[in-house]
Protein backbone atom coordinates (compact mmCIF):
# COMPACT_ATOMS: atom_id res chain seq x y z
CA MET A 1 -23.22 14.36 44.03
CA ILE A 2 -20.09 15.34 42.11
CA ALA A 3 -18.50 11.97 42.86
CA SER A 4 -21.58 10.21 41.52
CA LEU A 5 -21.45 12.19 38.28
CA ILE A 6 -17.79 11.30 37.83
CA VAL A 7 -18.57 7.60 38.32
CA VAL A 8 -21.42 7.77 35.79
CA ARG A 9 -19.21 9.48 33.21
CA ARG A 10 -16.47 6.88 33.67
CA LEU A 11 -18.98 4.06 33.31
CA THR A 12 -20.41 5.66 30.15
CA SER A 13 -16.92 6.02 28.69
CA LEU A 14 -16.11 2.41 29.56
CA VAL A 15 -19.34 1.15 27.96
CA SER A 16 -18.63 3.15 24.81
CA SER A 17 -15.12 1.69 24.58
CA VAL A 18 -16.47 -1.84 25.04
CA LEU A 19 -19.06 -1.28 22.30
CA VAL A 20 -16.38 -0.02 19.89
CA VAL A 21 -14.20 -3.06 20.59
CA MET A 22 -17.19 -5.40 20.15
CA ALA A 23 -18.02 -3.79 16.81
CA LEU A 24 -14.46 -4.18 15.60
CA VAL A 25 -14.31 -7.82 16.69
CA ALA A 26 -17.64 -8.50 15.00
CA SER A 27 -16.45 -6.99 11.73
CA VAL A 28 -13.23 -9.03 11.82
CA THR A 29 -15.18 -12.20 12.63
CA LYS A 30 -17.51 -11.51 9.71
CA ALA A 31 -14.56 -11.04 7.37
CA ARG A 32 -13.06 -14.33 8.51
CA ALA A 33 -16.41 -16.11 8.19
CA GLU A 34 -16.59 -15.12 4.53
CA GLY A 35 -13.66 -17.46 3.99
CA PRO A 36 -10.86 -17.39 1.39
CA GLU A 37 -11.37 -16.46 -2.22
CA ALA A 38 -12.87 -19.01 -4.57
CA ALA A 39 -10.48 -21.76 -5.58
CA LEU A 40 -9.88 -22.61 -9.22
CA ASP A 41 -12.20 -25.29 -10.51
CA GLN A 42 -9.75 -26.40 -13.21
CA LYS A 43 -7.70 -29.56 -12.90
CA ILE A 44 -4.08 -28.47 -13.18
CA ALA A 45 -0.84 -30.35 -13.72
CA VAL A 46 2.74 -29.09 -13.74
CA TRP A 47 4.78 -30.86 -16.38
CA ARG A 48 8.27 -29.70 -15.35
CA PHE A 49 10.64 -26.77 -15.10
CA ASP A 50 13.82 -26.90 -17.20
CA ALA A 51 17.09 -25.39 -16.05
CA LEU A 52 18.92 -22.82 -18.16
CA GLY A 53 22.45 -22.40 -16.90
CA ILE A 54 21.72 -23.07 -13.22
CA GLU A 55 21.75 -26.04 -10.89
CA ASN A 56 19.05 -28.66 -11.35
CA GLU A 57 18.62 -28.93 -7.59
CA LEU A 58 17.61 -25.26 -7.29
CA VAL A 59 15.17 -25.63 -10.19
CA ALA A 60 13.62 -28.67 -8.52
CA ARG A 61 13.10 -26.68 -5.33
CA LEU A 62 11.46 -23.78 -7.17
CA GLU A 63 9.27 -26.22 -9.07
CA THR A 64 8.19 -27.84 -5.80
CA LEU A 65 7.24 -24.44 -4.38
CA PHE A 66 5.30 -23.64 -7.52
CA ARG A 67 3.39 -26.94 -7.31
CA MET A 68 2.52 -26.30 -3.67
CA GLU A 69 1.11 -22.88 -4.49
CA LEU A 70 -0.96 -24.16 -7.39
CA ALA A 71 -2.26 -26.92 -5.10
CA ARG A 72 -3.51 -24.21 -2.74
CA LEU A 73 -5.22 -22.42 -5.63
CA SER A 74 -7.01 -25.42 -7.13
CA LYS A 75 -10.00 -27.33 -5.77
CA HIS A 76 -8.50 -30.54 -7.12
CA PRO A 77 -5.26 -32.21 -6.03
CA LEU A 78 -2.39 -31.84 -8.47
CA PRO A 79 -0.87 -35.05 -9.83
CA THR A 80 2.66 -35.60 -8.57
CA ARG A 81 5.61 -35.68 -10.89
CA ARG A 82 5.97 -39.43 -10.40
CA GLU A 83 2.32 -39.99 -11.31
CA ILE A 84 2.76 -37.96 -14.47
CA GLU A 85 5.93 -39.79 -15.52
CA ARG A 86 4.22 -43.14 -15.02
CA ALA A 87 1.24 -42.12 -17.17
CA VAL A 88 3.02 -40.62 -20.19
CA THR A 89 4.73 -42.53 -22.99
CA SER A 90 8.47 -42.60 -23.59
CA GLU A 91 8.02 -40.24 -26.54
CA GLN A 92 6.08 -37.75 -24.43
CA GLN A 93 8.88 -37.78 -21.88
CA ASN A 94 10.89 -35.68 -24.34
CA CYS A 95 8.25 -32.94 -24.50
CA THR A 96 9.99 -29.56 -24.21
CA GLY A 97 6.95 -27.28 -24.05
CA GLU A 98 5.13 -27.46 -27.37
CA GLU A 99 1.37 -26.87 -27.03
CA ARG A 100 0.34 -30.09 -28.79
CA CYS A 101 2.72 -32.17 -26.74
CA LEU A 102 1.56 -30.64 -23.46
CA ALA A 103 -2.11 -31.05 -24.44
CA ALA A 104 -1.50 -34.75 -25.18
CA ILE A 105 0.09 -35.17 -21.75
CA GLY A 106 -2.86 -33.39 -20.19
CA LYS A 107 -5.34 -35.74 -21.82
CA LYS A 108 -3.29 -38.70 -20.68
CA ILE A 109 -3.47 -37.68 -17.02
CA GLY A 110 -6.98 -36.21 -17.17
CA VAL A 111 -6.41 -32.50 -16.44
CA ASP A 112 -7.68 -29.26 -17.98
CA VAL A 113 -4.50 -27.16 -17.87
CA VAL A 114 -0.83 -28.11 -18.12
CA VAL A 115 1.83 -25.72 -16.84
CA THR A 116 5.49 -25.81 -17.75
CA GLY A 117 8.41 -23.40 -17.73
CA THR A 118 12.10 -22.68 -17.53
CA VAL A 119 14.32 -21.18 -14.84
CA GLY A 120 17.27 -19.14 -16.03
CA ALA A 121 20.04 -17.18 -14.37
CA MET A 122 20.34 -13.40 -14.66
CA GLY A 123 23.51 -12.45 -12.85
CA SER A 124 22.91 -13.32 -9.20
CA SER A 125 19.13 -13.53 -9.76
CA TYR A 126 16.75 -16.06 -11.30
CA VAL A 127 13.89 -15.60 -13.75
CA LEU A 128 10.89 -17.90 -14.21
CA ASN A 129 9.41 -18.14 -17.70
CA ILE A 130 6.13 -20.03 -17.33
CA LYS A 131 3.19 -20.78 -19.56
CA ALA A 132 -0.18 -22.53 -19.22
CA VAL A 133 -1.74 -24.57 -22.03
CA ASP A 134 -5.42 -25.44 -22.37
CA VAL A 135 -5.73 -29.19 -22.99
CA ALA A 136 -9.03 -29.03 -24.90
CA THR A 137 -7.96 -26.36 -27.41
CA GLN A 138 -4.23 -27.19 -27.45
CA LYS A 139 -3.54 -23.46 -27.18
CA GLN A 140 -1.53 -21.34 -24.81
CA ILE A 141 -3.67 -19.60 -22.19
CA LYS A 142 -1.04 -17.30 -20.79
CA ARG A 143 2.69 -16.83 -20.53
CA ILE A 144 4.51 -14.78 -17.91
CA GLU A 145 8.05 -13.90 -17.01
CA SER A 146 8.62 -13.29 -13.33
CA ASP A 147 10.49 -10.39 -11.85
CA PRO A 148 14.10 -11.27 -11.02
CA LEU A 149 14.15 -13.50 -7.92
CA ARG A 150 16.93 -12.73 -5.51
CA GLY A 151 17.79 -12.36 -1.86
CA SER A 152 16.75 -14.52 1.05
CA PRO A 153 14.75 -17.77 0.79
CA ASP A 154 11.65 -15.83 1.84
CA ASP A 155 12.09 -13.53 -1.15
CA LEU A 156 12.41 -16.50 -3.49
CA ILE A 157 9.30 -18.12 -2.04
CA GLU A 158 7.26 -14.93 -2.44
CA GLY A 159 8.47 -14.52 -6.02
CA VAL A 160 7.42 -18.06 -6.95
CA ARG A 161 4.03 -17.65 -5.27
CA VAL A 162 3.42 -14.37 -7.09
CA ALA A 163 4.31 -16.05 -10.39
CA ALA A 164 1.74 -18.80 -9.75
CA TYR A 165 -1.03 -16.27 -9.06
CA ARG A 166 -0.07 -14.06 -12.00
CA LEU A 167 -0.37 -17.06 -14.29
CA LEU A 168 -3.74 -18.50 -13.25
CA ALA A 169 -5.36 -16.20 -10.64
CA PRO A 170 -4.29 -12.57 -11.22
CA ALA A 171 -7.48 -11.26 -9.56
CA GLN A 172 -6.31 -12.75 -6.25
CA LEU A 173 -2.91 -11.08 -6.42
CA HIS A 174 -3.12 -8.50 -3.63
CA GLY A 175 -2.07 -7.57 -0.11
CA SER A 176 -3.30 -5.37 2.73
CA ILE A 177 -2.46 -2.16 4.59
CA GLN A 178 -3.18 -1.62 8.28
CA VAL A 179 -3.44 2.00 9.46
CA GLN A 180 -2.98 2.64 13.18
CA THR A 181 -3.54 6.18 14.48
CA ASP A 182 -3.54 7.87 17.87
CA ILE A 183 -6.51 10.20 17.25
CA LEU A 184 -10.15 9.77 16.27
CA GLY A 185 -11.84 11.38 13.28
CA ALA A 186 -8.76 11.73 11.09
CA GLU A 187 -9.44 11.50 7.36
CA VAL A 188 -7.58 8.69 5.59
CA ARG A 189 -6.85 8.80 1.86
CA LEU A 190 -5.07 6.17 -0.22
CA ASP A 191 -3.74 7.15 -3.65
CA ASP A 192 -5.79 10.36 -3.29
CA LYS A 193 -9.03 8.41 -2.78
CA PRO A 194 -11.03 8.87 0.46
CA ILE A 195 -11.07 5.71 2.59
CA GLY A 196 -12.86 6.92 5.72
CA LYS A 197 -12.15 8.35 9.14
CA THR A 198 -10.34 6.78 12.06
CA PRO A 199 -10.93 4.37 13.61
CA LEU A 200 -11.29 2.45 10.36
CA ALA A 201 -13.30 -0.78 10.24
CA ASN A 202 -11.64 -4.21 10.51
CA LEU A 203 -9.01 -2.85 12.90
CA GLY A 204 -7.81 -0.41 10.26
CA VAL A 205 -7.00 -3.11 7.67
CA LEU A 206 -7.44 -2.01 4.05
CA ALA A 207 -7.72 -5.37 2.30
CA LYS A 208 -7.24 -6.40 -1.34
CA GLN A 209 -4.80 -3.69 -2.36
CA GLN A 210 -2.76 -4.04 -5.53
CA LEU A 211 0.87 -5.00 -5.07
CA GLY A 212 3.42 -2.22 -5.21
CA LYS A 213 3.70 1.25 -3.78
CA HIS A 214 0.73 3.29 -2.58
CA ARG A 215 0.51 6.85 -1.26
CA LEU A 216 -1.12 7.16 2.17
CA ARG A 217 -2.33 10.49 3.59
CA VAL A 218 -3.90 11.08 7.00
CA GLN A 219 -5.13 14.55 8.00
CA ALA A 220 -7.11 16.12 10.81
CA PRO A 221 -7.90 19.69 11.90
CA GLY A 222 -5.17 21.11 14.13
CA TYR A 223 -2.54 18.58 13.01
CA ASP A 224 0.05 18.53 10.31
CA PRO A 225 -0.92 16.08 7.55
CA PHE A 226 0.87 12.73 7.51
CA GLU A 227 2.06 11.33 4.18
CA ASP A 228 3.97 8.14 3.51
CA GLU A 229 4.66 5.67 0.71
CA VAL A 230 3.53 2.16 1.59
CA ASP A 231 4.84 -0.93 -0.19
CA VAL A 232 2.21 -3.69 -0.42
CA HIS A 233 3.42 -7.30 -0.61
CA PHE A 234 1.59 -10.44 -1.68
CA GLN A 235 -0.80 -11.78 0.99
CA LYS A 236 0.92 -9.70 3.68
CA VAL A 237 -0.22 -6.83 5.87
CA SER A 238 1.89 -3.67 5.65
CA GLN A 239 1.47 -1.89 8.96
CA VAL A 240 1.63 1.89 9.16
CA GLU A 241 1.76 3.64 12.53
CA VAL A 242 0.63 7.25 12.33
CA ARG A 243 1.31 9.58 15.25
CA MET A 244 0.01 13.03 14.46
CA ILE A 245 1.27 15.90 16.59
CA PRO A 246 0.71 19.65 16.19
CA SER A 247 4.38 20.51 15.74
CA LYS A 248 7.05 20.85 13.10
CA GLU A 249 7.63 17.11 12.92
CA VAL A 250 5.50 14.21 11.73
CA LEU A 251 6.45 10.73 12.90
CA GLY A 252 5.57 7.77 10.71
CA THR A 253 6.78 4.26 9.96
CA GLY A 254 10.36 4.71 11.03
CA LYS A 255 10.63 8.00 9.14
CA LEU A 256 10.99 11.57 10.33
CA GLN A 257 9.56 14.21 8.08
CA LYS A 258 10.49 17.80 8.88
CA ILE A 259 8.06 20.54 7.98
CA GLU A 260 9.63 24.01 8.04
CA ARG A 261 7.42 26.92 9.10
CA LYS A 262 8.41 30.38 7.91
CA PRO A 263 8.26 33.16 10.55
CA PHE A 264 5.33 35.50 10.09
CA TYR A 265 7.64 38.48 9.48
CA THR A 266 8.97 36.79 6.31
CA ARG A 267 5.56 36.37 4.73
CA THR A 268 4.47 38.62 1.87
CA TRP A 269 1.43 40.09 3.61
CA PHE A 270 3.56 41.22 6.56
CA ILE A 271 6.24 42.84 4.37
CA VAL A 272 3.63 44.69 2.29
CA GLY A 273 1.81 45.83 5.43
CA VAL A 274 5.01 47.18 6.98
CA GLY A 275 5.84 49.05 3.76
CA VAL A 276 2.40 50.67 3.58
CA ALA A 277 2.58 51.65 7.25
CA ALA A 278 6.04 53.21 6.73
CA VAL A 279 4.76 55.29 3.81
CA LEU A 280 1.80 56.55 5.85
CA VAL A 281 3.97 57.45 8.87
CA GLY A 282 6.47 59.26 6.62
CA SER A 283 3.70 61.23 4.97
CA VAL A 284 2.30 62.36 8.32
CA ILE A 285 5.73 63.43 9.62
CA GLY A 286 6.56 65.32 6.41
CA TYR A 287 3.25 67.11 6.47
CA ASN A 288 3.68 68.24 10.08
CA ALA A 289 7.28 69.35 9.53
CA GLY A 290 6.36 71.58 6.60
CA LYS A 291 3.40 73.17 8.27
CA VAL A 292 3.87 76.90 9.36
CA ASP A 293 1.73 78.32 12.15
CA TYR A 294 0.53 81.95 11.50
CA ILE A 295 -0.55 84.20 14.42
CA ASP A 296 -2.83 87.13 13.67
CA CYS A 297 -2.36 89.87 16.29
CA PRO A 298 -3.27 93.27 14.79
CA GLU A 299 -4.30 94.85 18.10
CA ASP A 300 -1.59 93.50 20.44
CA PRO A 301 1.51 95.83 20.54
CA ALA A 302 3.62 93.10 22.18
CA CYS A 303 2.71 90.70 19.41
CA ARG A 304 3.83 93.32 16.82
CA GLY A 305 7.06 93.92 18.72
CA GLU A 306 6.22 97.50 19.73
């Protein structure tokens, strides 16, 4: 009988685990089925990037990356640089970024927006100064200056991609955070806003978070709260592993946070209690020491010393 109950409990636990996994997979599948964010319906062309004190070859590479990213954003294929040069006149070839000139080029190649910019050196870093011009109104839509681009090729690529989104699709400029915990029912807060309890939906992925640093807090009864600063990158998932243990240490994403616990005998309530108890004990001892016992023996000769 006992063995049968154990088997039933194990089967129930197994079924529950399978249902949880199926629910998570279904939610992830639904998120994928929704597809990417809406592409830009505008026809876009990149005129060119000019070099300011740096090698033309590097500028050409950054311009190629920028074109590729805009091509991913737009519903329509971007005209190549060769196609643009063939379409414009010799006078327009000397266009250096004036709105009227760029609008005329845009009309010539049949696009809605023309993008151009410069790449300059800032020490060991590079800065993109880019603007977009509306062909119909001949006016500037937006101008941005990228953060300094430095480091590995991956860093340069991410910087160029971020610049493209900041210029024409700032609403799509976000990343994700994935929270992985070892307990159920822990409360998760991001930037002091309640997110939910573990296990979170979509395998713990918090999608569409603004780029930059965010404050993550995970807490549960009987455990020390976990806090960490998470850096969100463009179209990337920042993973955070949270292991909560009821001790003086909290382990997080490669960090060790020590939480000091003061002994109970150093706390204010204990010190005050000991002081009050000492006063009471002293009062009792003083009272008993000063007390004189009187014996009344008027009829006993031995008591009177006779």
